[in-house]
ModelCIF file with pLDDT and N, C-alpha, C, O atoms, coordinates in Angstrom:
data_MODEL
#
_entry.id   MODEL 
#
_entity.id                         1 
_entity.type                       polymer 
_entity.pdbx_number_of_molecules   1 
#
_entity_poly.entity_id                      1 
_entity_poly.type                           'polypeptide(L)' 
_entity_poly.nstd_linkage                   no 
_entity_poly.nstd_monomer                   no 
_entity_poly.pdbx_seq_one_letter_code       LAAGICFGACMVLLVSAVKIRSFQEAYLMAALAGCCLGFLFFNFHPAK 
_entity_poly.pdbx_seq_one_letter_code_can   LAAGICFGACMVLLVSAVKIRSFQEAYLMAALAGCCLGFLFFNFHPAK 
_entity_poly.pdbx_strand_id                 A 
#
loop_
_entity_poly_seq.entity_id 
_entity_poly_seq.num 
_entity_poly_seq.mon_id 
_entity_poly_seq.hetero 
1 1  LEU n 
1 2  ALA n 
1 3  ALA n 
1 4  GLY n 
1 5  ILE n 
1 6  CYS n 
1 7  PHE n 
1 8  GLY n 
1 9  ALA n 
1 10 CYS n 
1 11 MET n 
1 12 VAL n 
1 13 LEU n 
1 14 LEU n 
1 15 VAL n 
1 16 SER n 
1 17 ALA n 
1 18 VAL n 
1 19 LYS n 
1 20 ILE n 
1 21 ARG n 
1 22 SER n 
1 23 PHE n 
1 24 GLN n 
1 25 GLU n 
1 26 ALA n 
1 27 TYR n 
1 28 LEU n 
1 29 MET n 
1 30 ALA n 
1 31 ALA n 
1 32 LEU n 
1 33 ALA n 
1 34 GLY n 
1 35 CYS n 
1 36 CYS n 
1 37 LEU n 
1 38 GLY n 
1 39 PHE n 
1 40 LEU n 
1 41 PHE n 
1 42 PHE n 
1 43 ASN n 
1 44 PHE n 
1 45 HIS n 
1 46 PRO n 
1 47 ALA n 
1 48 LYS n 
#
_struct_asym.id          A 
_struct_asym.entity_id   1 
#
loop_
_ma_qa_metric.id 
_ma_qa_metric.mode 
_ma_qa_metric.name 
_ma_qa_metric.software_group_id 
_ma_qa_metric.type 
1 global pLDDT . pLDDT 
2 local  pLDDT . pLDDT 
#
_ma_qa_metric_global.metric_id      1 
_ma_qa_metric_global.metric_value   91.73 
_ma_qa_metric_global.model_id       1 
_ma_qa_metric_global.ordinal_id     1 
#
loop_
_ma_qa_metric_local.label_asym_id 
_ma_qa_metric_local.label_comp_id 
_ma_qa_metric_local.label_seq_id 
_ma_qa_metric_local.metric_id 
_ma_qa_metric_local.metric_value 
_ma_qa_metric_local.model_id 
_ma_qa_metric_local.ordinal_id 
A LEU 1  2 92.00 1 1  
A ALA 2  2 92.00 1 2  
A ALA 3  2 94.00 1 3  
A GLY 4  2 94.00 1 4  
A ILE 5  2 93.00 1 5  
A CYS 6  2 94.00 1 6  
A PHE 7  2 95.00 1 7  
A GLY 8  2 92.00 1 8  
A ALA 9  2 91.00 1 9  
A CYS 10 2 93.00 1 10 
A MET 11 2 92.00 1 11 
A VAL 12 2 89.00 1 12 
A LEU 13 2 89.00 1 13 
A LEU 14 2 91.00 1 14 
A VAL 15 2 88.00 1 15 
A SER 16 2 83.00 1 16 
A ALA 17 2 85.00 1 17 
A VAL 18 2 86.00 1 18 
A LYS 19 2 82.00 1 19 
A ILE 20 2 79.00 1 20 
A ARG 21 2 82.00 1 21 
A SER 22 2 83.00 1 22 
A PHE 23 2 88.00 1 23 
A GLN 24 2 90.00 1 24 
A GLU 25 2 90.00 1 25 
A ALA 26 2 92.00 1 26 
A TYR 27 2 95.00 1 27 
A LEU 28 2 95.00 1 28 
A MET 29 2 95.00 1 29 
A ALA 30 2 96.00 1 30 
A ALA 31 2 97.00 1 31 
A LEU 32 2 97.00 1 32 
A ALA 33 2 97.00 1 33 
A GLY 34 2 97.00 1 34 
A CYS 35 2 96.00 1 35 
A CYS 36 2 97.00 1 36 
A LEU 37 2 96.00 1 37 
A GLY 38 2 97.00 1 38 
A PHE 39 2 97.00 1 39 
A LEU 40 2 96.00 1 40 
A PHE 41 2 95.00 1 41 
A PHE 42 2 96.00 1 42 
A ASN 43 2 94.00 1 43 
A PHE 44 2 92.00 1 44 
A HIS 45 2 87.00 1 45 
A PRO 46 2 89.00 1 46 
A ALA 47 2 90.00 1 47 
A LYS 48 2 93.00 1 48 
#
loop_
_atom_site.group_PDB 
_atom_site.id 
_atom_site.type_symbol 
_atom_site.label_atom_id 
_atom_site.label_alt_id 
_atom_site.label_comp_id 
_atom_site.label_asym_id 
_atom_site.label_entity_id 
_atom_site.label_seq_id 
_atom_site.pdbx_PDB_ins_code 
_atom_site.Cartn_x 
_atom_site.Cartn_y 
_atom_site.Cartn_z 
_atom_site.occupancy 
_atom_site.B_iso_or_equiv 
_atom_site.pdbx_formal_charge 
_atom_site.auth_seq_id 
_atom_site.auth_comp_id 
_atom_site.auth_asym_id 
_atom_site.auth_atom_id 
_atom_site.pdbx_PDB_model_num 
ATOM 1   N N  . LEU A 1 1  ? -62.430 -1.046  -18.205 1.00 92.00 ? 1  LEU A N  1 
ATOM 2   C CA . LEU A 1 1  ? -62.404 0.225   -17.480 1.00 92.00 ? 1  LEU A CA 1 
ATOM 3   C C  . LEU A 1 1  ? -62.216 0.035   -15.986 1.00 92.00 ? 1  LEU A C  1 
ATOM 4   O O  . LEU A 1 1  ? -61.295 0.611   -15.406 1.00 92.00 ? 1  LEU A O  1 
ATOM 5   N N  . ALA A 1 2  ? -63.066 -0.761  -15.351 1.00 92.00 ? 2  ALA A N  1 
ATOM 6   C CA . ALA A 1 2  ? -62.984 -0.944  -13.903 1.00 92.00 ? 2  ALA A CA 1 
ATOM 7   C C  . ALA A 1 2  ? -61.667 -1.609  -13.497 1.00 92.00 ? 2  ALA A C  1 
ATOM 8   O O  . ALA A 1 2  ? -61.027 -1.190  -12.533 1.00 92.00 ? 2  ALA A O  1 
ATOM 9   N N  . ALA A 1 3  ? -61.266 -2.647  -14.236 1.00 94.00 ? 3  ALA A N  1 
ATOM 10  C CA . ALA A 1 3  ? -60.027 -3.359  -13.904 1.00 94.00 ? 3  ALA A CA 1 
ATOM 11  C C  . ALA A 1 3  ? -58.821 -2.437  -14.027 1.00 94.00 ? 3  ALA A C  1 
ATOM 12  O O  . ALA A 1 3  ? -57.928 -2.466  -13.181 1.00 94.00 ? 3  ALA A O  1 
ATOM 13  N N  . GLY A 1 4  ? -58.790 -1.614  -15.082 1.00 94.00 ? 4  GLY A N  1 
ATOM 14  C CA . GLY A 1 4  ? -57.657 -0.720  -15.284 1.00 94.00 ? 4  GLY A CA 1 
ATOM 15  C C  . GLY A 1 4  ? -57.572 0.366   -14.238 1.00 94.00 ? 4  GLY A C  1 
ATOM 16  O O  . GLY A 1 4  ? -56.489 0.663   -13.734 1.00 94.00 ? 4  GLY A O  1 
ATOM 17  N N  . ILE A 1 5  ? -58.706 0.963   -13.904 1.00 93.00 ? 5  ILE A N  1 
ATOM 18  C CA . ILE A 1 5  ? -58.719 2.016   -12.892 1.00 93.00 ? 5  ILE A CA 1 
ATOM 19  C C  . ILE A 1 5  ? -58.359 1.453   -11.521 1.00 93.00 ? 5  ILE A C  1 
ATOM 20  O O  . ILE A 1 5  ? -57.627 2.083   -10.757 1.00 93.00 ? 5  ILE A O  1 
ATOM 21  N N  . CYS A 1 6  ? -58.876 0.268   -11.213 1.00 94.00 ? 6  CYS A N  1 
ATOM 22  C CA . CYS A 1 6  ? -58.548 -0.353  -9.926  1.00 94.00 ? 6  CYS A CA 1 
ATOM 23  C C  . CYS A 1 6  ? -57.074 -0.755  -9.862  1.00 94.00 ? 6  CYS A C  1 
ATOM 24  O O  . CYS A 1 6  ? -56.463 -0.698  -8.794  1.00 94.00 ? 6  CYS A O  1 
ATOM 25  N N  . PHE A 1 7  ? -56.503 -1.159  -10.990 1.00 95.00 ? 7  PHE A N  1 
ATOM 26  C CA . PHE A 1 7  ? -55.060 -1.463  -11.015 1.00 95.00 ? 7  PHE A CA 1 
ATOM 27  C C  . PHE A 1 7  ? -54.265 -0.225  -10.616 1.00 95.00 ? 7  PHE A C  1 
ATOM 28  O O  . PHE A 1 7  ? -53.351 -0.306  -9.796  1.00 95.00 ? 7  PHE A O  1 
ATOM 29  N N  . GLY A 1 8  ? -54.616 0.924   -11.199 1.00 92.00 ? 8  GLY A N  1 
ATOM 30  C CA . GLY A 1 8  ? -53.919 2.155   -10.848 1.00 92.00 ? 8  GLY A CA 1 
ATOM 31  C C  . GLY A 1 8  ? -54.103 2.517   -9.384  1.00 92.00 ? 8  GLY A C  1 
ATOM 32  O O  . GLY A 1 8  ? -53.156 2.945   -8.725  1.00 92.00 ? 8  GLY A O  1 
ATOM 33  N N  . ALA A 1 9  ? -55.327 2.346   -8.866  1.00 91.00 ? 9  ALA A N  1 
ATOM 34  C CA . ALA A 1 9  ? -55.584 2.647   -7.457  1.00 91.00 ? 9  ALA A CA 1 
ATOM 35  C C  . ALA A 1 9  ? -54.767 1.732   -6.554  1.00 91.00 ? 9  ALA A C  1 
ATOM 36  O O  . ALA A 1 9  ? -54.242 2.168   -5.529  1.00 91.00 ? 9  ALA A O  1 
ATOM 37  N N  . CYS A 1 10 ? -54.663 0.467   -6.936  1.00 93.00 ? 10 CYS A N  1 
ATOM 38  C CA . CYS A 1 10 ? -53.868 -0.484  -6.149  1.00 93.00 ? 10 CYS A CA 1 
ATOM 39  C C  . CYS A 1 10 ? -52.408 -0.055  -6.079  1.00 93.00 ? 10 CYS A C  1 
ATOM 40  O O  . CYS A 1 10 ? -51.781 -0.150  -5.024  1.00 93.00 ? 10 CYS A O  1 
ATOM 41  N N  . MET A 1 11 ? -51.868 0.415   -7.195  1.00 92.00 ? 11 MET A N  1 
ATOM 42  C CA . MET A 1 11 ? -50.462 0.812   -7.212  1.00 92.00 ? 11 MET A CA 1 
ATOM 43  C C  . MET A 1 11 ? -50.236 2.034   -6.328  1.00 92.00 ? 11 MET A C  1 
ATOM 44  O O  . MET A 1 11 ? -49.228 2.118   -5.626  1.00 92.00 ? 11 MET A O  1 
ATOM 45  N N  . VAL A 1 12 ? -51.170 2.978   -6.362  1.00 89.00 ? 12 VAL A N  1 
ATOM 46  C CA . VAL A 1 12 ? -51.049 4.163   -5.500  1.00 89.00 ? 12 VAL A CA 1 
ATOM 47  C C  . VAL A 1 12 ? -51.101 3.764   -4.026  1.00 89.00 ? 12 VAL A C  1 
ATOM 48  O O  . VAL A 1 12 ? -50.281 4.215   -3.226  1.00 89.00 ? 12 VAL A O  1 
ATOM 49  N N  . LEU A 1 13 ? -52.063 2.921   -3.674  1.00 89.00 ? 13 LEU A N  1 
ATOM 50  C CA . LEU A 1 13 ? -52.198 2.509   -2.281  1.00 89.00 ? 13 LEU A CA 1 
ATOM 51  C C  . LEU A 1 13 ? -51.047 1.604   -1.843  1.00 89.00 ? 13 LEU A C  1 
ATOM 52  O O  . LEU A 1 13 ? -50.673 1.607   -0.671  1.00 89.00 ? 13 LEU A O  1 
ATOM 53  N N  . LEU A 1 14 ? -50.484 0.832   -2.773  1.00 91.00 ? 14 LEU A N  1 
ATOM 54  C CA . LEU A 1 14 ? -49.317 -0.001  -2.450  1.00 91.00 ? 14 LEU A CA 1 
ATOM 55  C C  . LEU A 1 14 ? -48.136 0.887   -2.042  1.00 91.00 ? 14 LEU A C  1 
ATOM 56  O O  . LEU A 1 14 ? -47.512 0.674   -1.002  1.00 91.00 ? 14 LEU A O  1 
ATOM 57  N N  . VAL A 1 15 ? -47.846 1.885   -2.883  1.00 88.00 ? 15 VAL A N  1 
ATOM 58  C CA . VAL A 1 15 ? -46.739 2.801   -2.575  1.00 88.00 ? 15 VAL A CA 1 
ATOM 59  C C  . VAL A 1 15 ? -46.979 3.503   -1.241  1.00 88.00 ? 15 VAL A C  1 
ATOM 60  O O  . VAL A 1 15 ? -46.064 3.658   -0.432  1.00 88.00 ? 15 VAL A O  1 
ATOM 61  N N  . SER A 1 16 ? -48.209 3.919   -1.028  1.00 83.00 ? 16 SER A N  1 
ATOM 62  C CA . SER A 1 16 ? -48.534 4.626   0.205   1.00 83.00 ? 16 SER A CA 1 
ATOM 63  C C  . SER A 1 16 ? -48.423 3.716   1.428   1.00 83.00 ? 16 SER A C  1 
ATOM 64  O O  . SER A 1 16 ? -47.966 4.142   2.489   1.00 83.00 ? 16 SER A O  1 
ATOM 65  N N  . ALA A 1 17 ? -48.845 2.462   1.272   1.00 85.00 ? 17 ALA A N  1 
ATOM 66  C CA . ALA A 1 17 ? -48.749 1.514   2.379   1.00 85.00 ? 17 ALA A CA 1 
ATOM 67  C C  . ALA A 1 17 ? -47.295 1.239   2.746   1.00 85.00 ? 17 ALA A C  1 
ATOM 68  O O  . ALA A 1 17 ? -46.962 1.132   3.926   1.00 85.00 ? 17 ALA A O  1 
ATOM 69  N N  . VAL A 1 18 ? -46.433 1.126   1.745   1.00 86.00 ? 18 VAL A N  1 
ATOM 70  C CA . VAL A 1 18 ? -45.009 0.926   2.012   1.00 86.00 ? 18 VAL A CA 1 
ATOM 71  C C  . VAL A 1 18 ? -44.448 2.133   2.744   1.00 86.00 ? 18 VAL A C  1 
ATOM 72  O O  . VAL A 1 18 ? -43.644 1.993   3.665   1.00 86.00 ? 18 VAL A O  1 
ATOM 73  N N  . LYS A 1 19 ? -44.880 3.328   2.327   1.00 82.00 ? 19 LYS A N  1 
ATOM 74  C CA . LYS A 1 19 ? -44.378 4.559   2.942   1.00 82.00 ? 19 LYS A CA 1 
ATOM 75  C C  . LYS A 1 19 ? -44.677 4.617   4.432   1.00 82.00 ? 19 LYS A C  1 
ATOM 76  O O  . LYS A 1 19 ? -43.850 5.092   5.210   1.00 82.00 ? 19 LYS A O  1 
ATOM 77  N N  . ILE A 1 20 ? -45.845 4.141   4.837   1.00 79.00 ? 20 ILE A N  1 
ATOM 78  C CA . ILE A 1 20 ? -46.198 4.184   6.255   1.00 79.00 ? 20 ILE A CA 1 
ATOM 79  C C  . ILE A 1 20 ? -45.930 2.838   6.940   1.00 79.00 ? 20 ILE A C  1 
ATOM 80  O O  . ILE A 1 20 ? -46.355 2.603   8.071   1.00 79.00 ? 20 ILE A O  1 
ATOM 81  N N  . ARG A 1 21 ? -45.208 1.956   6.218   1.00 82.00 ? 21 ARG A N  1 
ATOM 82  C CA . ARG A 1 21 ? -44.768 0.657   6.752   1.00 82.00 ? 21 ARG A CA 1 
ATOM 83  C C  . ARG A 1 21 ? -45.949 -0.258  7.095   1.00 82.00 ? 21 ARG A C  1 
ATOM 84  O O  . ARG A 1 21 ? -45.885 -1.036  8.047   1.00 82.00 ? 21 ARG A O  1 
ATOM 85  N N  . SER A 1 22 ? -47.013 -0.157  6.320   1.00 83.00 ? 22 SER A N  1 
ATOM 86  C CA . SER A 1 22 ? -48.139 -1.096  6.456   1.00 83.00 ? 22 SER A CA 1 
ATOM 87  C C  . SER A 1 22 ? -47.916 -2.213  5.442   1.00 83.00 ? 22 SER A C  1 
ATOM 88  O O  . SER A 1 22 ? -48.575 -2.269  4.403   1.00 83.00 ? 22 SER A O  1 
ATOM 89  N N  . PHE A 1 23 ? -46.977 -3.099  5.760   1.00 88.00 ? 23 PHE A N  1 
ATOM 90  C CA . PHE A 1 23 ? -46.519 -4.072  4.770   1.00 88.00 ? 23 PHE A CA 1 
ATOM 91  C C  . PHE A 1 23 ? -47.588 -5.108  4.420   1.00 88.00 ? 23 PHE A C  1 
ATOM 92  O O  . PHE A 1 23 ? -47.655 -5.562  3.277   1.00 88.00 ? 23 PHE A O  1 
ATOM 93  N N  . GLN A 1 24 ? -48.420 -5.483  5.385   1.00 90.00 ? 24 GLN A N  1 
ATOM 94  C CA . GLN A 1 24 ? -49.483 -6.431  5.077   1.00 90.00 ? 24 GLN A CA 1 
ATOM 95  C C  . GLN A 1 24 ? -50.420 -5.848  4.014   1.00 90.00 ? 24 GLN A C  1 
ATOM 96  O O  . GLN A 1 24 ? -50.811 -6.542  3.076   1.00 90.00 ? 24 GLN A O  1 
ATOM 97  N N  . GLU A 1 25 ? -50.775 -4.573  4.167   1.00 90.00 ? 25 GLU A N  1 
ATOM 98  C CA . GLU A 1 25 ? -51.656 -3.932  3.213   1.00 90.00 ? 25 GLU A CA 1 
ATOM 99  C C  . GLU A 1 25 ? -50.972 -3.783  1.856   1.00 90.00 ? 25 GLU A C  1 
ATOM 100 O O  . GLU A 1 25 ? -51.627 -3.861  0.817   1.00 90.00 ? 25 GLU A O  1 
ATOM 101 N N  . ALA A 1 26 ? -49.648 -3.567  1.865   1.00 92.00 ? 26 ALA A N  1 
ATOM 102 C CA . ALA A 1 26 ? -48.912 -3.466  0.605   1.00 92.00 ? 26 ALA A CA 1 
ATOM 103 C C  . ALA A 1 26 ? -48.964 -4.789  -0.158  1.00 92.00 ? 26 ALA A C  1 
ATOM 104 O O  . ALA A 1 26 ? -49.139 -4.796  -1.376  1.00 92.00 ? 26 ALA A O  1 
ATOM 105 N N  . TYR A 1 27 ? -48.813 -5.906  0.554   1.00 95.00 ? 27 TYR A N  1 
ATOM 106 C CA . TYR A 1 27 ? -48.916 -7.222  -0.091  1.00 95.00 ? 27 TYR A CA 1 
ATOM 107 C C  . TYR A 1 27 ? -50.315 -7.443  -0.665  1.00 95.00 ? 27 TYR A C  1 
ATOM 108 O O  . TYR A 1 27 ? -50.466 -7.977  -1.763  1.00 95.00 ? 27 TYR A O  1 
ATOM 109 N N  . LEU A 1 28 ? -51.331 -7.028  0.087   1.00 95.00 ? 28 LEU A N  1 
ATOM 110 C CA . LEU A 1 28 ? -52.699 -7.195  -0.394  1.00 95.00 ? 28 LEU A CA 1 
ATOM 111 C C  . LEU A 1 28 ? -52.945 -6.376  -1.657  1.00 95.00 ? 28 LEU A C  1 
ATOM 112 O O  . LEU A 1 28 ? -53.621 -6.837  -2.577  1.00 95.00 ? 28 LEU A O  1 
ATOM 113 N N  . MET A 1 29 ? -52.401 -5.167  -1.702  1.00 95.00 ? 29 MET A N  1 
ATOM 114 C CA . MET A 1 29 ? -52.567 -4.329  -2.889  1.00 95.00 ? 29 MET A CA 1 
ATOM 115 C C  . MET A 1 29 ? -51.777 -4.881  -4.077  1.00 95.00 ? 29 MET A C  1 
ATOM 116 O O  . MET A 1 29 ? -52.214 -4.760  -5.222  1.00 95.00 ? 29 MET A O  1 
ATOM 117 N N  . ALA A 1 30 ? -50.625 -5.481  -3.812  1.00 96.00 ? 30 ALA A N  1 
ATOM 118 C CA . ALA A 1 30 ? -49.862 -6.111  -4.895  1.00 96.00 ? 30 ALA A CA 1 
ATOM 119 C C  . ALA A 1 30 ? -50.641 -7.278  -5.480  1.00 96.00 ? 30 ALA A C  1 
ATOM 120 O O  . ALA A 1 30 ? -50.659 -7.478  -6.694  1.00 96.00 ? 30 ALA A O  1 
ATOM 121 N N  . ALA A 1 31 ? -51.288 -8.048  -4.606  1.00 97.00 ? 31 ALA A N  1 
ATOM 122 C CA . ALA A 1 31 ? -52.095 -9.181  -5.074  1.00 97.00 ? 31 ALA A CA 1 
ATOM 123 C C  . ALA A 1 31 ? -53.284 -8.701  -5.894  1.00 97.00 ? 31 ALA A C  1 
ATOM 124 O O  . ALA A 1 31 ? -53.566 -9.252  -6.958  1.00 97.00 ? 31 ALA A O  1 
ATOM 125 N N  . LEU A 1 32 ? -53.983 -7.679  -5.409  1.00 97.00 ? 32 LEU A N  1 
ATOM 126 C CA . LEU A 1 32 ? -55.156 -7.190  -6.127  1.00 97.00 ? 32 LEU A CA 1 
ATOM 127 C C  . LEU A 1 32 ? -54.755 -6.567  -7.465  1.00 97.00 ? 32 LEU A C  1 
ATOM 128 O O  . LEU A 1 32 ? -55.469 -6.704  -8.458  1.00 97.00 ? 32 LEU A O  1 
ATOM 129 N N  . ALA A 1 33 ? -53.618 -5.887  -7.485  1.00 97.00 ? 33 ALA A N  1 
ATOM 130 C CA . ALA A 1 33 ? -53.129 -5.327  -8.747  1.00 97.00 ? 33 ALA A CA 1 
ATOM 131 C C  . ALA A 1 33 ? -52.864 -6.435  -9.756  1.00 97.00 ? 33 ALA A C  1 
ATOM 132 O O  . ALA A 1 33 ? -53.171 -6.287  -10.939 1.00 97.00 ? 33 ALA A O  1 
ATOM 133 N N  . GLY A 1 34 ? -52.290 -7.553  -9.292  1.00 97.00 ? 34 GLY A N  1 
ATOM 134 C CA . GLY A 1 34 ? -52.054 -8.692  -10.174 1.00 97.00 ? 34 GLY A CA 1 
ATOM 135 C C  . GLY A 1 34 ? -53.346 -9.261  -10.731 1.00 97.00 ? 34 GLY A C  1 
ATOM 136 O O  . GLY A 1 34 ? -53.415 -9.633  -11.902 1.00 97.00 ? 34 GLY A O  1 
ATOM 137 N N  . CYS A 1 35 ? -54.381 -9.327  -9.882  1.00 96.00 ? 35 CYS A N  1 
ATOM 138 C CA . CYS A 1 35 ? -55.699 -9.788  -10.336 1.00 96.00 ? 35 CYS A CA 1 
ATOM 139 C C  . CYS A 1 35 ? -56.224 -8.909  -11.458 1.00 96.00 ? 35 CYS A C  1 
ATOM 140 O O  . CYS A 1 35 ? -56.671 -9.404  -12.493 1.00 96.00 ? 35 CYS A O  1 
ATOM 141 N N  . CYS A 1 36 ? -56.166 -7.603  -11.244 1.00 97.00 ? 36 CYS A N  1 
ATOM 142 C CA . CYS A 1 36 ? -56.708 -6.662  -12.228 1.00 97.00 ? 36 CYS A CA 1 
ATOM 143 C C  . CYS A 1 36 ? -55.952 -6.760  -13.550 1.00 97.00 ? 36 CYS A C  1 
ATOM 144 O O  . CYS A 1 36 ? -56.561 -6.789  -14.619 1.00 97.00 ? 36 CYS A O  1 
ATOM 145 N N  . LEU A 1 37 ? -54.622 -6.812  -13.473 1.00 96.00 ? 37 LEU A N  1 
ATOM 146 C CA . LEU A 1 37 ? -53.822 -6.872  -14.689 1.00 96.00 ? 37 LEU A CA 1 
ATOM 147 C C  . LEU A 1 37 ? -54.048 -8.181  -15.430 1.00 96.00 ? 37 LEU A C  1 
ATOM 148 O O  . LEU A 1 37 ? -54.154 -8.189  -16.656 1.00 96.00 ? 37 LEU A O  1 
ATOM 149 N N  . GLY A 1 38 ? -54.123 -9.289  -14.693 1.00 97.00 ? 38 GLY A N  1 
ATOM 150 C CA . GLY A 1 38 ? -54.376 -10.577 -15.333 1.00 97.00 ? 38 GLY A CA 1 
ATOM 151 C C  . GLY A 1 38 ? -55.742 -10.628 -15.995 1.00 97.00 ? 38 GLY A C  1 
ATOM 152 O O  . GLY A 1 38 ? -55.898 -11.223 -17.062 1.00 97.00 ? 38 GLY A O  1 
ATOM 153 N N  . PHE A 1 39 ? -56.734 -10.003 -15.365 1.00 97.00 ? 39 PHE A N  1 
ATOM 154 C CA . PHE A 1 39 ? -58.085 -10.027 -15.921 1.00 97.00 ? 39 PHE A CA 1 
ATOM 155 C C  . PHE A 1 39 ? -58.178 -9.197  -17.192 1.00 97.00 ? 39 PHE A C  1 
ATOM 156 O O  . PHE A 1 39 ? -59.000 -9.483  -18.062 1.00 97.00 ? 39 PHE A O  1 
ATOM 157 N N  . LEU A 1 40 ? -57.334 -8.162  -17.307 1.00 96.00 ? 40 LEU A N  1 
ATOM 158 C CA . LEU A 1 40 ? -57.365 -7.312  -18.494 1.00 96.00 ? 40 LEU A CA 1 
ATOM 159 C C  . LEU A 1 40 ? -56.993 -8.086  -19.758 1.00 96.00 ? 40 LEU A C  1 
ATOM 160 O O  . LEU A 1 40 ? -57.363 -7.669  -20.856 1.00 96.00 ? 40 LEU A O  1 
ATOM 161 N N  . PHE A 1 41 ? -56.273 -9.199  -19.632 1.00 95.00 ? 41 PHE A N  1 
ATOM 162 C CA . PHE A 1 41 ? -55.958 -10.023 -20.799 1.00 95.00 ? 41 PHE A CA 1 
ATOM 163 C C  . PHE A 1 41 ? -57.243 -10.516 -21.477 1.00 95.00 ? 41 PHE A C  1 
ATOM 164 O O  . PHE A 1 41 ? -57.258 -10.779 -22.679 1.00 95.00 ? 41 PHE A O  1 
ATOM 165 N N  . PHE A 1 42 ? -58.310 -10.637 -20.698 1.00 96.00 ? 42 PHE A N  1 
ATOM 166 C CA . PHE A 1 42 ? -59.570 -11.148 -21.227 1.00 96.00 ? 42 PHE A CA 1 
ATOM 167 C C  . PHE A 1 42 ? -60.657 -10.076 -21.304 1.00 96.00 ? 42 PHE A C  1 
ATOM 168 O O  . PHE A 1 42 ? -61.665 -10.260 -21.987 1.00 96.00 ? 42 PHE A O  1 
ATOM 169 N N  . ASN A 1 43 ? -60.455 -8.966  -20.611 1.00 94.00 ? 43 ASN A N  1 
ATOM 170 C CA . ASN A 1 43 ? -61.523 -7.987  -20.460 1.00 94.00 ? 43 ASN A CA 1 
ATOM 171 C C  . ASN A 1 43 ? -61.305 -6.714  -21.262 1.00 94.00 ? 43 ASN A C  1 
ATOM 172 O O  . ASN A 1 43 ? -62.246 -5.947  -21.466 1.00 94.00 ? 43 ASN A O  1 
ATOM 173 N N  . PHE A 1 44 ? -60.063 -6.473  -21.727 1.00 92.00 ? 44 PHE A N  1 
ATOM 174 C CA . PHE A 1 44 ? -59.836 -5.263  -22.522 1.00 92.00 ? 44 PHE A CA 1 
ATOM 175 C C  . PHE A 1 44 ? -60.502 -5.435  -23.876 1.00 92.00 ? 44 PHE A C  1 
ATOM 176 O O  . PHE A 1 44 ? -60.583 -6.547  -24.398 1.00 92.00 ? 44 PHE A O  1 
ATOM 177 N N  . HIS A 1 45 ? -60.974 -4.347  -24.436 1.00 87.00 ? 45 HIS A N  1 
ATOM 178 C CA . HIS A 1 45 ? -61.778 -4.398  -25.655 1.00 87.00 ? 45 HIS A CA 1 
ATOM 179 C C  . HIS A 1 45 ? -61.049 -5.074  -26.827 1.00 87.00 ? 45 HIS A C  1 
ATOM 180 O O  . HIS A 1 45 ? -59.895 -4.750  -27.105 1.00 87.00 ? 45 HIS A O  1 
ATOM 181 N N  . PRO A 1 46 ? -61.714 -6.004  -27.508 1.00 89.00 ? 46 PRO A N  1 
ATOM 182 C CA . PRO A 1 46 ? -63.065 -6.522  -27.261 1.00 89.00 ? 46 PRO A CA 1 
ATOM 183 C C  . PRO A 1 46 ? -63.044 -7.600  -26.176 1.00 89.00 ? 46 PRO A C  1 
ATOM 184 O O  . PRO A 1 46 ? -62.268 -8.553  -26.250 1.00 89.00 ? 46 PRO A O  1 
ATOM 185 N N  . ALA A 1 47 ? -63.900 -7.439  -25.177 1.00 90.00 ? 47 ALA A N  1 
ATOM 186 C CA . ALA A 1 47 ? -63.885 -8.319  -24.010 1.00 90.00 ? 47 ALA A CA 1 
ATOM 187 C C  . ALA A 1 47 ? -64.394 -9.715  -24.346 1.00 90.00 ? 47 ALA A C  1 
ATOM 188 O O  . ALA A 1 47 ? -65.342 -9.888  -25.111 1.00 90.00 ? 47 ALA A O  1 
ATOM 189 N N  . LYS A 1 48 ? -63.733 -10.705 -23.749 1.00 93.00 ? 48 LYS A N  1 
ATOM 190 C CA . LYS A 1 48 ? -64.202 -12.087 -23.845 1.00 93.00 ? 48 LYS A CA 1 
ATOM 191 C C  . LYS A 1 48 ? -65.065 -12.451 -22.632 1.00 93.00 ? 48 LYS A C  1 
ATOM 192 O O  . LYS A 1 48 ? -65.552 -13.577 -22.536 1.00 93.00 ? 48 LYS A O  1 
#
């Protein structure tokens, strides 16, 4: 739940950061989104 919701939040903030040309923040959100998605391989039900 937390990883999936945070992945979605990261994507929204990534798009928004690009829109206002905050490219450093966009890279950070892309990285965090990757973390969340990678963790879901082990955390989605049934969680390991």
